[in-house]
PDB file of all heavy atoms in Angstrom:
ATOM      1  N   GLY A   1    -143.448  75.364  31.713  1.00  0.00           N
ATOM      2  CA  GLY A   1    -144.132  76.457  32.382  1.00  0.00           C
ATOM      3  C   GLY A   1    -143.351  77.753  32.384  1.00  0.00           C
ATOM      4  O   GLY A   1    -143.904  78.809  32.702  1.00  0.00           O
ATOM      5  N   ASP A   2    -142.071  77.707  32.028  1.00  0.00           N
ATOM      6  CA  ASP A   2    -141.250  78.916  32.013  1.00  0.00           C
ATOM      7  C   ASP A   2    -141.388  79.705  30.706  1.00  0.00           C
ATOM      8  O   ASP A   2    -140.839  80.802  30.595  1.00  0.00           O
ATOM      9  CB  ASP A   2    -139.777  78.564  32.212  1.00  0.00           C
ATOM     10  CG  ASP A   2    -139.505  77.979  33.582  1.00  0.00           C
ATOM     11  OD1 ASP A   2    -140.291  78.266  34.512  1.00  0.00           O
ATOM     12  OD2 ASP A   2    -138.522  77.239  33.729  1.00  0.00           O
ATOM     13  N   ALA A   3    -142.106  79.190  29.722  1.00  0.00           N
ATOM     14  CA  ALA A   3    -142.194  79.839  28.419  1.00  0.00           C
ATOM     15  C   ALA A   3    -142.762  81.249  28.524  1.00  0.00           C
ATOM     16  O   ALA A   3    -142.236  82.183  27.917  1.00  0.00           O
ATOM     17  CB  ALA A   3    -143.039  78.989  27.469  1.00  0.00           C
ATOM     18  N   SER A   4    -143.827  81.433  29.292  1.00  0.00           N
ATOM     19  CA  SER A   4    -144.437  82.757  29.416  1.00  0.00           C
ATOM     20  C   SER A   4    -143.473  83.747  30.055  1.00  0.00           C
ATOM     21  O   SER A   4    -143.326  84.876  29.588  1.00  0.00           O
ATOM     22  CB  SER A   4    -145.716  82.686  30.243  1.00  0.00           C
ATOM     23  OG  SER A   4    -146.656  81.869  29.596  1.00  0.00           O
ATOM     24  N   ALA A   5    -142.829  83.329  31.133  1.00  0.00           N
ATOM     25  CA  ALA A   5    -141.885  84.218  31.818  1.00  0.00           C
ATOM     26  C   ALA A   5    -140.721  84.586  30.907  1.00  0.00           C
ATOM     27  O   ALA A   5    -140.300  85.747  30.851  1.00  0.00           O
ATOM     28  CB  ALA A   5    -141.378  83.564  33.094  1.00  0.00           C
ATOM     29  N   LEU A   6    -140.206  83.621  30.167  1.00  0.00           N
ATOM     30  CA  LEU A   6    -139.101  83.899  29.250  1.00  0.00           C
ATOM     31  C   LEU A   6    -139.542  84.845  28.136  1.00  0.00           C
ATOM     32  O   LEU A   6    -138.785  85.720  27.713  1.00  0.00           O
ATOM     33  CB  LEU A   6    -138.557  82.597  28.661  1.00  0.00           C
ATOM     34  CG  LEU A   6    -137.823  81.700  29.652  1.00  0.00           C
ATOM     35  CD1 LEU A   6    -137.511  80.350  29.007  1.00  0.00           C
ATOM     36  CD2 LEU A   6    -136.554  82.356  30.147  1.00  0.00           C
ATOM     37  N   GLY A   7    -140.772  84.697  27.673  1.00  0.00           N
ATOM     38  CA  GLY A   7    -141.299  85.599  26.658  1.00  0.00           C
ATOM     39  C   GLY A   7    -141.406  87.023  27.160  1.00  0.00           C
ATOM     40  O   GLY A   7    -141.052  87.978  26.467  1.00  0.00           O
ATOM     41  N   VAL A   8    -141.886  87.189  28.386  1.00  0.00           N
ATOM     42  CA  VAL A   8    -141.997  88.525  28.976  1.00  0.00           C
ATOM     43  C   VAL A   8    -140.622  89.162  29.127  1.00  0.00           C
ATOM     44  O   VAL A   8    -140.432  90.349  28.818  1.00  0.00           O
ATOM     45  CB  VAL A   8    -142.724  88.452  30.344  1.00  0.00           C
ATOM     46  CG1 VAL A   8    -142.618  89.762  31.090  1.00  0.00           C
ATOM     47  CG2 VAL A   8    -144.175  88.067  30.135  1.00  0.00           C
ATOM     48  N   VAL A   9    -139.652  88.399  29.590  1.00  0.00           N
ATOM     49  CA  VAL A   9    -138.293  88.918  29.730  1.00  0.00           C
ATOM     50  C   VAL A   9    -137.744  89.322  28.364  1.00  0.00           C
ATOM     51  O   VAL A   9    -137.122  90.385  28.222  1.00  0.00           O
ATOM     52  CB  VAL A   9    -137.371  87.883  30.413  1.00  0.00           C
ATOM     53  CG1 VAL A   9    -135.914  88.307  30.336  1.00  0.00           C
ATOM     54  CG2 VAL A   9    -137.797  87.685  31.854  1.00  0.00           C
ATOM     55  N   GLY A  10    -137.982  88.509  27.350  1.00  0.00           N
ATOM     56  CA  GLY A  10    -137.516  88.832  26.001  1.00  0.00           C
ATOM     57  C   GLY A  10    -138.116  90.121  25.476  1.00  0.00           C
ATOM     58  O   GLY A  10    -137.413  90.965  24.908  1.00  0.00           O
ATOM     59  N   VAL A  11    -139.422  90.314  25.686  1.00  0.00           N
ATOM     60  CA  VAL A  11    -140.082  91.548  25.243  1.00  0.00           C
ATOM     61  C   VAL A  11    -139.525  92.746  26.004  1.00  0.00           C
ATOM     62  O   VAL A  11    -139.257  93.795  25.425  1.00  0.00           O
ATOM     63  CB  VAL A  11    -141.619  91.441  25.417  1.00  0.00           C
ATOM     64  CG1 VAL A  11    -142.289  92.790  25.213  1.00  0.00           C
ATOM     65  CG2 VAL A  11    -142.187  90.425  24.436  1.00  0.00           C
ATOM     66  N   ALA A  12    -139.344  92.597  27.321  1.00  0.00           N
ATOM     67  CA  ALA A  12    -138.809  93.700  28.128  1.00  0.00           C
ATOM     68  C   ALA A  12    -137.411  94.090  27.662  1.00  0.00           C
ATOM     69  O   ALA A  12    -137.108  95.274  27.500  1.00  0.00           O
ATOM     70  CB  ALA A  12    -138.798  93.301  29.603  1.00  0.00           C
ATOM     71  N   LEU A  13    -136.552  93.104  27.432  1.00  0.00           N
ATOM     72  CA  LEU A  13    -135.194  93.400  26.970  1.00  0.00           C
ATOM     73  C   LEU A  13    -135.212  94.066  25.599  1.00  0.00           C
ATOM     74  O   LEU A  13    -134.430  94.986  25.333  1.00  0.00           O
ATOM     75  CB  LEU A  13    -134.348  92.125  26.938  1.00  0.00           C
ATOM     76  CG  LEU A  13    -133.994  91.543  28.308  1.00  0.00           C
ATOM     77  CD1 LEU A  13    -133.309  90.194  28.142  1.00  0.00           C
ATOM     78  CD2 LEU A  13    -133.127  92.498  29.093  1.00  0.00           C
ATOM     79  N   HIS A  14    -136.118  93.624  24.754  1.00  0.00           N
ATOM     80  CA  HIS A  14    -136.253  94.233  23.421  1.00  0.00           C
ATOM     81  C   HIS A  14    -136.672  95.693  23.552  1.00  0.00           C
ATOM     82  O   HIS A  14    -136.129  96.565  22.874  1.00  0.00           O
ATOM     83  CB  HIS A  14    -137.267  93.436  22.593  1.00  0.00           C
ATOM     84  CG  HIS A  14    -137.461  93.975  21.221  1.00  0.00           C
ATOM     85  ND1 HIS A  14    -136.529  93.795  20.225  1.00  0.00           N
ATOM     86  CD2 HIS A  14    -138.472  94.682  20.679  1.00  0.00           C
ATOM     87  CE1 HIS A  14    -136.956  94.370  19.130  1.00  0.00           C
ATOM     88  NE2 HIS A  14    -138.140  94.921  19.377  1.00  0.00           N
ATOM     89  N   GLN A  15    -137.647  95.967  24.431  1.00  0.00           N
ATOM     90  CA  GLN A  15    -138.117  97.343  24.635  1.00  0.00           C
ATOM     91  C   GLN A  15    -137.007  98.226  25.205  1.00  0.00           C
ATOM     92  O   GLN A  15    -136.852  99.369  24.793  1.00  0.00           O
ATOM     93  CB  GLN A  15    -139.340  97.366  25.552  1.00  0.00           C
ATOM     94  CG  GLN A  15    -140.579  96.797  24.908  1.00  0.00           C
ATOM     95  CD  GLN A  15    -141.000  97.602  23.693  1.00  0.00           C
ATOM     96  OE1 GLN A  15    -140.908  98.813  23.651  1.00  0.00           O
ATOM     97  NE2 GLN A  15    -141.458  96.897  22.675  1.00  0.00           N
ATOM     98  N   ILE A  16    -136.244  97.708  26.149  1.00  0.00           N
ATOM     99  CA  ILE A  16    -135.138  98.474  26.726  1.00  0.00           C
ATOM    100  C   ILE A  16    -134.122  98.809  25.642  1.00  0.00           C
ATOM    101  O   ILE A  16    -133.651  99.938  25.544  1.00  0.00           O
ATOM    102  CB  ILE A  16    -134.478  97.703  27.889  1.00  0.00           C
ATOM    103  CG1 ILE A  16    -135.436  97.639  29.078  1.00  0.00           C
ATOM    104  CG2 ILE A  16    -133.149  98.331  28.288  1.00  0.00           C
ATOM    105  CD1 ILE A  16    -135.005  96.679  30.162  1.00  0.00           C
ATOM    106  N   GLY A  17    -133.822  97.840  24.795  1.00  0.00           N
ATOM    107  CA  GLY A  17    -132.894  98.075  23.698  1.00  0.00           C
ATOM    108  C   GLY A  17    -133.411  99.123  22.736  1.00  0.00           C
ATOM    109  O   GLY A  17    -132.661  99.992  22.280  1.00  0.00           O
ATOM    110  N   ASN A  18    -134.705  99.104  22.432  1.00  0.00           N
ATOM    111  CA  ASN A  18    -135.288 100.095  21.523  1.00  0.00           C
ATOM    112  C   ASN A  18    -135.252 101.485  22.137  1.00  0.00           C
ATOM    113  O   ASN A  18    -135.009 102.471  21.453  1.00  0.00           O
ATOM    114  CB  ASN A  18    -136.734  99.727  21.180  1.00  0.00           C
ATOM    115  CG  ASN A  18    -136.805  98.602  20.169  1.00  0.00           C
ATOM    116  OD1 ASN A  18    -135.824  98.298  19.505  1.00  0.00           O
ATOM    117  ND2 ASN A  18    -137.961  97.983  20.050  1.00  0.00           N
ATOM    118  N   GLN A  19    -135.515 101.585  23.444  1.00  0.00           N
ATOM    119  CA  GLN A  19    -135.486 102.892  24.108  1.00  0.00           C
ATOM    120  C   GLN A  19    -134.081 103.464  24.100  1.00  0.00           C
ATOM    121  O   GLN A  19    -133.888 104.650  23.857  1.00  0.00           O
ATOM    122  CB  GLN A  19    -136.012 102.772  25.533  1.00  0.00           C
ATOM    123  CG  GLN A  19    -137.502 102.528  25.582  1.00  0.00           C
ATOM    124  CD  GLN A  19    -137.991 102.290  26.994  1.00  0.00           C
ATOM    125  OE1 GLN A  19    -137.218 102.284  27.943  1.00  0.00           O
ATOM    126  NE2 GLN A  19    -139.286 102.077  27.120  1.00  0.00           N
ATOM    127  N   ASN A  20    -133.087 102.621  24.344  1.00  0.00           N
ATOM    128  CA  ASN A  20    -131.702 103.100  24.325  1.00  0.00           C
ATOM    129  C   ASN A  20    -131.293 103.536  22.930  1.00  0.00           C
ATOM    130  O   ASN A  20    -130.593 104.525  22.757  1.00  0.00           O
ATOM    131  CB  ASN A  20    -130.746 102.030  24.857  1.00  0.00           C
ATOM    132  CG  ASN A  20    -130.902 101.829  26.348  1.00  0.00           C
ATOM    133  OD1 ASN A  20    -131.367 102.705  27.056  1.00  0.00           O
ATOM    134  ND2 ASN A  20    -130.526 100.656  26.816  1.00  0.00           N
ATOM    135  N   ALA A  21    -131.726 102.815  21.917  1.00  0.00           N
ATOM    136  CA  ALA A  21    -131.414 103.186  20.543  1.00  0.00           C
ATOM    137  C   ALA A  21    -132.068 104.514  20.194  1.00  0.00           C
ATOM    138  O   ALA A  21    -131.467 105.364  19.534  1.00  0.00           O
ATOM    139  CB  ALA A  21    -131.885 102.093  19.583  1.00  0.00           C
ATOM    140  N   PHE A  22    -133.301 104.717  20.669  1.00  0.00           N
ATOM    141  CA  PHE A  22    -134.015 105.962  20.396  1.00  0.00           C
ATOM    142  C   PHE A  22    -133.308 107.129  21.081  1.00  0.00           C
ATOM    143  O   PHE A  22    -133.130 108.193  20.504  1.00  0.00           O
ATOM    144  CB  PHE A  22    -135.468 105.854  20.868  1.00  0.00           C
ATOM    145  CG  PHE A  22    -136.272 107.091  20.611  1.00  0.00           C
ATOM    146  CD1 PHE A  22    -136.612 107.458  19.326  1.00  0.00           C
ATOM    147  CD2 PHE A  22    -136.685 107.896  21.662  1.00  0.00           C
ATOM    148  CE1 PHE A  22    -137.347 108.599  19.081  1.00  0.00           C
ATOM    149  CE2 PHE A  22    -137.426 109.034  21.440  1.00  0.00           C
ATOM    150  CZ  PHE A  22    -137.759 109.392  20.139  1.00  0.00           C
ATOM    151  N   ARG A  23    -132.885 106.938  22.332  1.00  0.00           N
ATOM    152  CA  ARG A  23    -132.169 108.001  23.053  1.00  0.00           C
ATOM    153  C   ARG A  23    -130.872 108.361  22.324  1.00  0.00           C
ATOM    154  O   ARG A  23    -130.520 109.520  22.196  1.00  0.00           O
ATOM    155  CB  ARG A  23    -131.863 107.562  24.475  1.00  0.00           C
ATOM    156  CG  ARG A  23    -133.057 107.582  25.368  1.00  0.00           C
ATOM    157  CD  ARG A  23    -132.659 107.316  26.817  1.00  0.00           C
ATOM    158  NE  ARG A  23    -133.854 107.092  27.587  1.00  0.00           N
ATOM    159  CZ  ARG A  23    -134.136 106.000  28.271  1.00  0.00           C
ATOM    160  NH1 ARG A  23    -133.254 105.026  28.313  1.00  0.00           N
ATOM    161  NH2 ARG A  23    -135.250 105.869  28.931  1.00  0.00           N
ATOM    162  N   GLY A  24    -130.161 107.350  21.843  1.00  0.00           N
ATOM    163  CA  GLY A  24    -128.930 107.598  21.119  1.00  0.00           C
ATOM    164  C   GLY A  24    -129.172 108.359  19.821  1.00  0.00           C
ATOM    165  O   GLY A  24    -128.419 109.248  19.462  1.00  0.00           O
ATOM    166  N   ALA A  25    -130.254 108.036  19.127  1.00  0.00           N
ATOM    167  CA  ALA A  25    -130.578 108.713  17.880  1.00  0.00           C
ATOM    168  C   ALA A  25    -130.963 110.164  18.153  1.00  0.00           C
ATOM    169  O   ALA A  25    -130.604 111.065  17.392  1.00  0.00           O
ATOM    170  CB  ALA A  25    -131.714 107.982  17.163  1.00  0.00           C
ATOM    171  N   ARG A  26    -131.690 110.413  19.250  1.00  0.00           N
ATOM    172  CA  ARG A  26    -132.102 111.783  19.581  1.00  0.00           C
ATOM    173  C   ARG A  26    -130.896 112.654  19.914  1.00  0.00           C
ATOM    174  O   ARG A  26    -130.870 113.831  19.585  1.00  0.00           O
ATOM    175  CB  ARG A  26    -133.057 111.774  20.773  1.00  0.00           C
ATOM    176  CG  ARG A  26    -134.485 111.661  20.379  1.00  0.00           C
ATOM    177  CD  ARG A  26    -135.393 112.038  21.510  1.00  0.00           C
ATOM    178  NE  ARG A  26    -134.904 111.540  22.786  1.00  0.00           N
ATOM    179  CZ  ARG A  26    -135.560 111.647  23.906  1.00  0.00           C
ATOM    180  NH1 ARG A  26    -136.721 112.238  23.940  1.00  0.00           N
ATOM    181  NH2 ARG A  26    -135.071 111.177  25.034  1.00  0.00           N
ATOM    182  N   SER A  27    -129.901 112.072  20.566  1.00  0.00           N
ATOM    183  CA  SER A  27    -128.745 112.874  20.968  1.00  0.00           C
ATOM    184  C   SER A  27    -127.921 113.319  19.769  1.00  0.00           C
ATOM    185  O   SER A  27    -127.160 114.270  19.845  1.00  0.00           O
ATOM    186  CB  SER A  27    -127.873 112.099  21.948  1.00  0.00           C
ATOM    187  OG  SER A  27    -127.307 110.971  21.313  1.00  0.00           O
ATOM    188  N   ASN A  28    -128.101 112.665  18.630  1.00  0.00           N
ATOM    189  CA  ASN A  28    -127.347 113.040  17.420  1.00  0.00           C
ATOM    190  C   ASN A  28    -128.058 114.067  16.569  1.00  0.00           C
ATOM    191  O   ASN A  28    -127.516 114.544  15.584  1.00  0.00           O
ATOM    192  CB  ASN A  28    -127.076 111.791  16.557  1.00  0.00           C
ATOM    193  CG  ASN A  28    -126.143 110.821  17.259  1.00  0.00           C
ATOM    194  OD1 ASN A  28    -125.304 111.230  18.055  1.00  0.00           O
ATOM    195  ND2 ASN A  28    -126.290 109.547  16.970  1.00  0.00           N
ATOM    196  N   LEU A  29    -129.287 114.447  16.948  1.00  0.00           N
ATOM    197  CA  LEU A  29    -130.043 115.424  16.176  1.00  0.00           C
ATOM    198  C   LEU A  29    -129.574 116.832  16.505  1.00  0.00           C
ATOM    199  O   LEU A  29    -129.216 117.129  17.652  1.00  0.00           O
ATOM    200  CB  LEU A  29    -131.549 115.301  16.473  1.00  0.00           C
ATOM    201  CG  LEU A  29    -132.200 114.001  16.049  1.00  0.00           C
ATOM    202  CD1 LEU A  29    -133.661 113.986  16.514  1.00  0.00           C
ATOM    203  CD2 LEU A  29    -132.124 113.826  14.549  1.00  0.00           C
ATOM    204  N   PRO A  30    -129.598 117.733  15.526  1.00  0.00           N
ATOM    205  CA  PRO A  30    -129.211 119.124  15.811  1.00  0.00           C
ATOM    206  C   PRO A  30    -130.267 119.792  16.701  1.00  0.00           C
ATOM    207  O   PRO A  30    -131.434 119.399  16.691  1.00  0.00           O
ATOM    208  CB  PRO A  30    -129.138 119.787  14.432  1.00  0.00           C
ATOM    209  CG  PRO A  30    -129.949 118.913  13.549  1.00  0.00           C
ATOM    210  CD  PRO A  30    -129.910 117.522  14.142  1.00  0.00           C
TER     211      PRO A  30
END
């Protein structure tokens, strides 16, 4: 029964990682 909850946590962590990567890429732009 924990599969759904673990999937949601995995997606959330993935999204947080993508947002941080995007912020880092933006800060390097002129």
